């Protein structure tokens, strides 16, 4: 009897959909990112699941607003996921 799926080598798409504790190797869904302000082009580090409003330290514009899960970036902000 063979299984329809390979349990030792799961597909990357199915690993992303599964819960963070039920993956083959546990990993968090959250991350830090560098957000560039659209007004003054200053870079600020923001947590992906931030629970407070994040403002630019240079021009005081709002960079991200909290939602129930991930923080929502303001229109025009660009971001880059930080490496370890």
C-alpha atoms as a PDB file:
ATOM      1  CA  UNK A   1       0.000   0.000   0.000  1.00  0.00           C
ATOM      2  CA  UNK A   2       1.469   3.381  -1.019  1.00  0.00           C
ATOM      3  CA  UNK A   3       0.440   6.825   0.133  1.00  0.00           C
ATOM      4  CA  UNK A   4      -0.843   9.436  -2.284  1.00  0.00           C
ATOM      5  CA  UNK A   5       1.529  12.067  -0.853  1.00  0.00           C
ATOM      6  CA  UNK A   6       5.157  11.950   0.237  1.00  0.00           C
ATOM      7  CA  UNK A   7       5.343  12.777   3.955  1.00  0.00           C
ATOM      8  CA  UNK A   8       9.131  13.221   4.053  1.00  0.00           C
ATOM      9  CA  UNK A   9       9.295  15.605   1.080  1.00  0.00           C
ATOM     10  CA  UNK A  10       6.153  17.784   1.168  1.00  0.00           C
ATOM     11  CA  UNK A  11       5.472  20.370  -1.508  1.00  0.00           C
ATOM     12  CA  UNK A  12       6.469  23.940  -0.671  1.00  0.00           C
ATOM     13  CA  UNK A  13       2.961  25.217  -1.401  1.00  0.00           C
ATOM     14  CA  UNK A  14       1.391  22.780   1.057  1.00  0.00           C
ATOM     15  CA  UNK A  15       3.987  23.651   3.722  1.00  0.00           C
ATOM     16  CA  UNK A  16       3.097  27.362   3.494  1.00  0.00           C
ATOM     17  CA  UNK A  17      -0.607  26.604   3.948  1.00  0.00           C
ATOM     18  CA  UNK A  18      -0.152  24.373   6.983  1.00  0.00           C
ATOM     19  CA  UNK A  19      -0.088  25.664  10.560  1.00  0.00           C
ATOM     20  CA  UNK A  20       3.262  26.903  11.832  1.00  0.00           C
ATOM     21  CA  UNK A  21       3.518  24.099  14.395  1.00  0.00           C
ATOM     22  CA  UNK A  22       2.419  21.307  12.038  1.00  0.00           C
ATOM     23  CA  UNK A  23       5.095  21.863   9.391  1.00  0.00           C
ATOM     24  CA  UNK A  24       7.916  19.391   8.893  1.00  0.00           C
ATOM     25  CA  UNK A  25      10.285  22.017  10.368  1.00  0.00           C
ATOM     26  CA  UNK A  26       8.517  24.512  12.620  1.00  0.00           C
ATOM     27  CA  UNK A  27       8.926  28.137  11.565  1.00  0.00           C
ATOM     28  CA  UNK A  28       7.073  31.353  12.444  1.00  0.00           C
ATOM     29  CA  UNK A  29       4.810  33.237  10.050  1.00  0.00           C
ATOM     30  CA  UNK A  30       6.034  36.635  11.236  1.00  0.00           C
ATOM     31  CA  UNK A  31       9.100  38.550  10.111  1.00  0.00           C
ATOM     32  CA  UNK A  32      10.813  41.934  10.306  1.00  0.00           C
ATOM     33  CA  UNK A  33      10.908  44.189   7.261  1.00  0.00           C
ATOM     34  CA  UNK A  34      12.527  47.429   6.144  1.00  0.00           C
ATOM     35  CA  UNK A  35       9.846  49.920   5.094  1.00  0.00           C
ATOM     36  CA  UNK A  36      10.743  52.940   2.972  1.00  0.00           C
ATOM     37  CA  UNK A  37       8.767  56.118   3.599  1.00  0.00           C
ATOM     38  CA  UNK A  38       7.230  57.500   0.376  1.00  0.00           C
ATOM     39  CA  UNK A  39       7.758  61.106   1.522  1.00  0.00           C
ATOM     40  CA  UNK A  40      11.310  61.324   2.844  1.00  0.00           C
ATOM     41  CA  UNK A  41      12.678  57.913   1.669  1.00  0.00           C
ATOM     42  CA  UNK A  42      13.888  57.060   5.172  1.00  0.00           C
ATOM     43  CA  UNK A  43      14.033  53.342   6.025  1.00  0.00           C
ATOM     44  CA  UNK A  44      12.341  52.071   9.208  1.00  0.00           C
ATOM     45  CA  UNK A  45      12.309  48.506  10.575  1.00  0.00           C
ATOM     46  CA  UNK A  46       8.766  47.254  11.197  1.00  0.00           C
ATOM     47  CA  UNK A  47       7.452  43.931  12.549  1.00  0.00           C
ATOM     48  CA  UNK A  48       5.060  42.204  10.134  1.00  0.00           C
ATOM     49  CA  UNK A  49       2.418  41.642  12.832  1.00  0.00           C
ATOM     50  CA  UNK A  50       2.823  45.042  14.546  1.00  0.00           C
ATOM     51  CA  UNK A  51      -0.011  45.879  16.961  1.00  0.00           C
ATOM     52  CA  UNK A  52       0.610  49.634  17.079  1.00  0.00           C
ATOM     53  CA  UNK A  53       0.643  52.371  14.468  1.00  0.00           C
ATOM     54  CA  UNK A  54       4.166  52.882  13.105  1.00  0.00           C
ATOM     55  CA  UNK A  55       5.160  56.404  12.093  1.00  0.00           C
ATOM     56  CA  UNK A  56       8.163  57.644  10.143  1.00  0.00           C
ATOM     57  CA  UNK A  57      10.698  59.258  12.462  1.00  0.00           C
ATOM     58  CA  UNK A  58      11.669  61.788   9.800  1.00  0.00           C
ATOM     59  CA  UNK A  59       8.354  63.205   8.597  1.00  0.00           C
ATOM     60  CA  UNK A  60       5.810  61.597  11.006  1.00  0.00           C
ATOM     61  CA  UNK A  61       3.683  59.999   8.265  1.00  0.00           C
ATOM     62  CA  UNK A  62       1.960  56.720   9.140  1.00  0.00           C
ATOM     63  CA  UNK A  63       3.807  53.732   7.636  1.00  0.00           C
ATOM     64  CA  UNK A  64       1.618  50.866   8.862  1.00  0.00           C
ATOM     65  CA  UNK A  65      -1.644  50.324  10.704  1.00  0.00           C
ATOM     66  CA  UNK A  66      -2.532  47.246  12.763  1.00  0.00           C
ATOM     67  CA  UNK A  67      -5.224  44.800  11.698  1.00  0.00           C
ATOM     68  CA  UNK A  68      -6.307  41.560  13.319  1.00  0.00           C
ATOM     69  CA  UNK A  69      -3.207  39.756  12.026  1.00  0.00           C
ATOM     70  CA  UNK A  70      -0.571  41.288   9.793  1.00  0.00           C
ATOM     71  CA  UNK A  71      -0.004  45.034   9.799  1.00  0.00           C
ATOM     72  CA  UNK A  72      -1.297  46.895   6.748  1.00  0.00           C
ATOM     73  CA  UNK A  73       1.255  49.121   5.013  1.00  0.00           C
ATOM     74  CA  UNK A  74       0.244  52.574   3.854  1.00  0.00           C
ATOM     75  CA  UNK A  75      -0.309  53.165   0.130  1.00  0.00           C
ATOM     76  CA  UNK A  76       2.984  53.933  -1.599  1.00  0.00           C
ATOM     77  CA  UNK A  77       5.260  52.317   1.005  1.00  0.00           C
ATOM     78  CA  UNK A  78       7.731  49.773  -0.289  1.00  0.00           C
ATOM     79  CA  UNK A  79       9.163  47.034   1.900  1.00  0.00           C
ATOM     80  CA  UNK A  80      11.912  44.419   1.917  1.00  0.00           C
ATOM     81  CA  UNK A  81      11.888  41.328   4.115  1.00  0.00           C
ATOM     82  CA  UNK A  82      14.903  41.325   6.439  1.00  0.00           C
ATOM     83  CA  UNK A  83      17.302  38.405   6.398  1.00  0.00           C
ATOM     84  CA  UNK A  84      17.993  36.571   9.662  1.00  0.00           C
END
